[in-house]
Structure formats: C-alpha cells, structure tokens
Amino acid sequence: MIYRLILFLILNFGSIGLGSLMAGKGPRSEWYAGINKAPWTPPGWVFGASWTVIMICFSIYLAYLWPVVENKKLLIGMLILHYILNLAWNPVFFYYHQLLAGLFIISALTLVIAFFMFFYWPEVTYKSLLVAPYFIWLLIATSLNAYSLIKN
C-alpha cells in the first residue's frame, strides 16, 4: 500500500507541478490580472492549499483502488486521460489564453473525475468519497472558467 501511495503522490504532484511550469506566469500574469473574474474567485492561496489536499486524497484513493480493479487497461487509460487533461488546462488557459478550449478541457476533466468517483464505487465503496474534493473543486473551477469566457 505504501509503495502505491508514494507512486501516486509522485505522479499526481508531478503532473500539477509540470502543468504549473507549462502555464508560464499563470495566475500571476498580467493577462490574468486584467481579465474579468467571477465574484466567487477564491484568493490565490486557496488554490495551492486545495490542490495539496485534493492530490493527497486522490493518491490515497488510487492506492486503494489499484489492487482491487480487474480491468487495469481501463484504469490506466482513464489515468492517462486524467493526466493529459490536467496537464493541458494550465497552458491552454493561462499561457495561450484560450478560454473556450480551457472550458472544454476542464469540463472533460470533471467528467473523468466523476467517472472515477462513481464507476469504481463497487470496488472501493466509501473510499470513493476521497475523490469528492477533486470533483467539487473542478465544478468550482469550471464555473470560474465559464465566467471568464462569458465576461471577457
């Protein structure tokens, strides 16, 4: 269990770290400072704290899920899709300023995380609730992206 947890912590934190690098200045950019943001946009420190909790919970969930899933190909495929979408959103939104493409990406990522939470419920039951913070955060992030698209 501990080795799986360490592996998923490395993969998950590595992916958000790489995504941040690919975003350029990200939320500290002049472009982002100048766009219209939703009134419910949280302060900057909330993003780092949230992603830390989310990735710890998701890593624990995956460490429990891995040994009980029979169809590893589906699980690996969904994980790869998750990492691609997670990596893609930051540069698409922050670096290329493509708000519509960002909305499609974050919406797809939200669906992938919902898949993890509900499809694998029979295998890990209540441990699927570890994915709930990720899902809720993505709903908020999707609404922020949509607001930015509409108002800019």
Protein backbone atom coordinates (compact mmCIF):
# COMPACT_ATOMS: atom_id res chain seq x y z
CA MET A 1 0.00 0.00 0.00
CA ILE A 2 2.71 2.50 0.96
CA TYR A 3 4.60 1.99 -2.31
CA ARG A 4 1.44 2.53 -4.35
CA LEU A 5 0.66 5.64 -2.32
CA ILE A 6 4.15 7.05 -2.90
CA LEU A 7 3.89 6.28 -6.63
CA PHE A 8 0.54 8.05 -6.96
CA LEU A 9 1.72 11.01 -4.86
CA ILE A 10 4.69 11.40 -7.22
CA LEU A 11 2.50 11.08 -10.33
CA ASN A 12 -0.20 13.44 -9.06
CA PHE A 13 2.04 16.15 -7.64
CA GLY A 14 4.39 15.77 -10.60
CA SER A 15 1.54 16.38 -13.02
CA ILE A 16 0.30 19.52 -11.29
CA GLY A 17 3.87 20.76 -10.96
CA LEU A 18 4.54 20.21 -14.65
CA GLY A 19 1.21 21.81 -15.51
CA SER A 20 2.18 24.87 -13.48
CA LEU A 21 5.50 25.12 -15.30
CA MET A 22 3.70 24.90 -18.63
CA ALA A 23 1.38 27.76 -17.63
CA GLY A 24 4.08 30.41 -17.70
CA LYS A 25 3.31 33.03 -15.05
CA GLY A 26 -0.16 31.52 -14.66
CA PRO A 27 -2.36 33.40 -12.21
CA ARG A 28 0.45 35.92 -11.60
CA SER A 29 0.43 37.05 -15.24
CA GLU A 30 -0.66 40.50 -16.39
CA TRP A 31 -3.23 38.87 -18.64
CA TYR A 32 -4.92 37.02 -15.77
CA ALA A 33 -4.78 40.06 -13.50
CA GLY A 34 -6.56 42.06 -16.20
CA ILE A 35 -9.43 39.75 -17.09
CA ASN A 36 -12.87 39.82 -15.53
CA LYS A 37 -13.07 37.12 -12.89
CA ALA A 38 -16.06 35.66 -11.12
CA PRO A 39 -17.02 37.31 -7.82
CA TRP A 40 -16.62 33.89 -6.15
CA THR A 41 -13.00 33.52 -7.28
CA PRO A 42 -11.09 32.45 -4.16
CA PRO A 43 -7.89 34.19 -3.06
CA GLY A 44 -4.68 32.83 -4.58
CA TRP A 45 -3.53 30.88 -1.51
CA VAL A 46 -6.70 28.75 -1.64
CA PHE A 47 -5.61 27.22 -4.95
CA GLY A 48 -2.35 25.81 -3.57
CA ALA A 49 -3.96 24.56 -0.38
CA SER A 50 -6.84 22.99 -2.29
CA TRP A 51 -4.63 21.20 -4.81
CA THR A 52 -2.48 19.83 -1.99
CA VAL A 53 -5.48 18.30 -0.21
CA ILE A 54 -7.01 17.12 -3.49
CA MET A 55 -3.88 15.33 -4.67
CA ILE A 56 -3.28 13.68 -1.30
CA CYS A 57 -6.87 12.40 -1.23
CA PHE A 58 -6.76 11.29 -4.88
CA SER A 59 -3.46 9.48 -4.29
CA ILE A 60 -4.88 7.61 -1.29
CA TYR A 61 -7.94 6.71 -3.34
CA LEU A 62 -5.82 5.39 -6.22
CA ALA A 63 -3.62 3.39 -3.84
CA TYR A 64 -6.74 1.64 -2.52
CA LEU A 65 -8.28 1.27 -5.98
CA TRP A 66 -5.30 -0.19 -7.87
CA PRO A 67 -5.17 -3.68 -6.31
CA VAL A 68 -8.92 -4.33 -6.49
CA VAL A 69 -9.61 -3.28 -10.09
CA GLU A 70 -9.74 -6.18 -12.52
CA ASN A 71 -9.66 -4.17 -15.75
CA LYS A 72 -6.29 -2.46 -15.35
CA LYS A 73 -6.30 -1.33 -19.01
CA LEU A 74 -9.40 0.80 -18.43
CA LEU A 75 -7.97 2.21 -15.20
CA ILE A 76 -4.64 3.04 -16.84
CA GLY A 77 -6.43 4.59 -19.82
CA MET A 78 -8.54 6.77 -17.55
CA LEU A 79 -5.48 7.78 -15.54
CA ILE A 80 -3.61 8.73 -18.72
CA LEU A 81 -6.61 10.74 -19.92
CA HIS A 82 -6.79 12.40 -16.49
CA TYR A 83 -3.11 13.38 -16.59
CA ILE A 84 -3.35 14.68 -20.17
CA LEU A 85 -6.36 16.85 -19.35
CA ASN A 86 -4.87 18.02 -16.07
CA LEU A 87 -1.61 18.96 -17.80
CA ALA A 88 -3.34 20.60 -20.76
CA TRP A 89 -5.62 23.02 -18.95
CA ASN A 90 -2.97 25.28 -17.38
CA PRO A 91 -1.11 26.22 -20.57
CA VAL A 92 -4.28 26.39 -22.65
CA PHE A 93 -5.94 28.78 -20.20
CA PHE A 94 -3.04 30.75 -18.73
CA TYR A 95 -0.40 30.71 -21.48
CA TYR A 96 -2.45 30.61 -24.70
CA HIS A 97 -5.47 32.45 -23.20
CA GLN A 98 -7.88 30.06 -24.91
CA LEU A 99 -10.85 30.30 -22.58
CA LEU A 100 -13.24 28.19 -24.67
CA ALA A 101 -10.71 25.40 -25.18
CA GLY A 102 -9.93 25.61 -21.47
CA LEU A 103 -13.61 25.20 -20.67
CA PHE A 104 -13.82 22.08 -22.83
CA ILE A 105 -10.71 20.64 -21.18
CA ILE A 106 -11.80 21.33 -17.62
CA SER A 107 -15.31 20.03 -18.36
CA ALA A 108 -13.81 16.81 -19.73
CA LEU A 109 -11.56 16.53 -16.67
CA THR A 110 -14.60 16.95 -14.43
CA LEU A 111 -16.33 14.08 -16.25
CA VAL A 112 -13.24 11.89 -15.89
CA ILE A 113 -13.11 12.54 -12.15
CA ALA A 114 -16.85 11.83 -11.87
CA PHE A 115 -16.15 8.55 -13.67
CA PHE A 116 -13.53 7.63 -11.06
CA MET A 117 -15.87 8.51 -8.23
CA PHE A 118 -18.93 6.61 -9.49
CA PHE A 119 -17.70 3.82 -11.78
CA TYR A 120 -15.33 2.37 -9.21
CA TRP A 121 -17.69 2.77 -6.25
CA PRO A 122 -18.43 -1.00 -6.17
CA GLU A 123 -14.72 -1.77 -5.80
CA VAL A 124 -13.83 0.72 -3.06
CA THR A 125 -17.25 1.93 -1.83
CA TYR A 126 -16.97 4.81 0.65
CA LYS A 127 -13.29 5.37 -0.24
CA SER A 128 -14.66 6.91 -3.44
CA LEU A 129 -15.56 9.89 -1.26
CA LEU A 130 -11.84 10.71 -1.29
CA VAL A 131 -12.47 11.89 -4.87
CA ALA A 132 -15.26 14.26 -3.80
CA PRO A 133 -12.93 17.21 -3.01
CA TYR A 134 -11.44 16.93 -6.51
CA PHE A 135 -14.88 16.77 -8.10
CA ILE A 136 -16.20 19.73 -6.11
CA TRP A 137 -13.08 21.79 -6.85
CA LEU A 138 -13.42 21.05 -10.57
CA LEU A 139 -17.06 22.16 -10.51
CA ILE A 140 -15.93 25.45 -8.99
CA ALA A 141 -13.00 25.77 -11.42
CA THR A 142 -15.30 25.02 -14.36
CA SER A 143 -17.67 27.76 -13.23
CA LEU A 144 -14.73 30.19 -12.92
CA ASN A 145 -13.54 29.29 -16.43
CA ALA A 146 -17.06 29.67 -17.84
CA TYR A 147 -17.49 33.06 -16.17
CA SER A 148 -14.17 34.25 -17.61
CA LEU A 149 -15.22 33.07 -21.06
CA ILE A 150 -18.56 34.86 -20.90
CA LYS A 151 -17.28 38.11 -19.38
CA ASN A 152 -14.10 38.58 -21.46
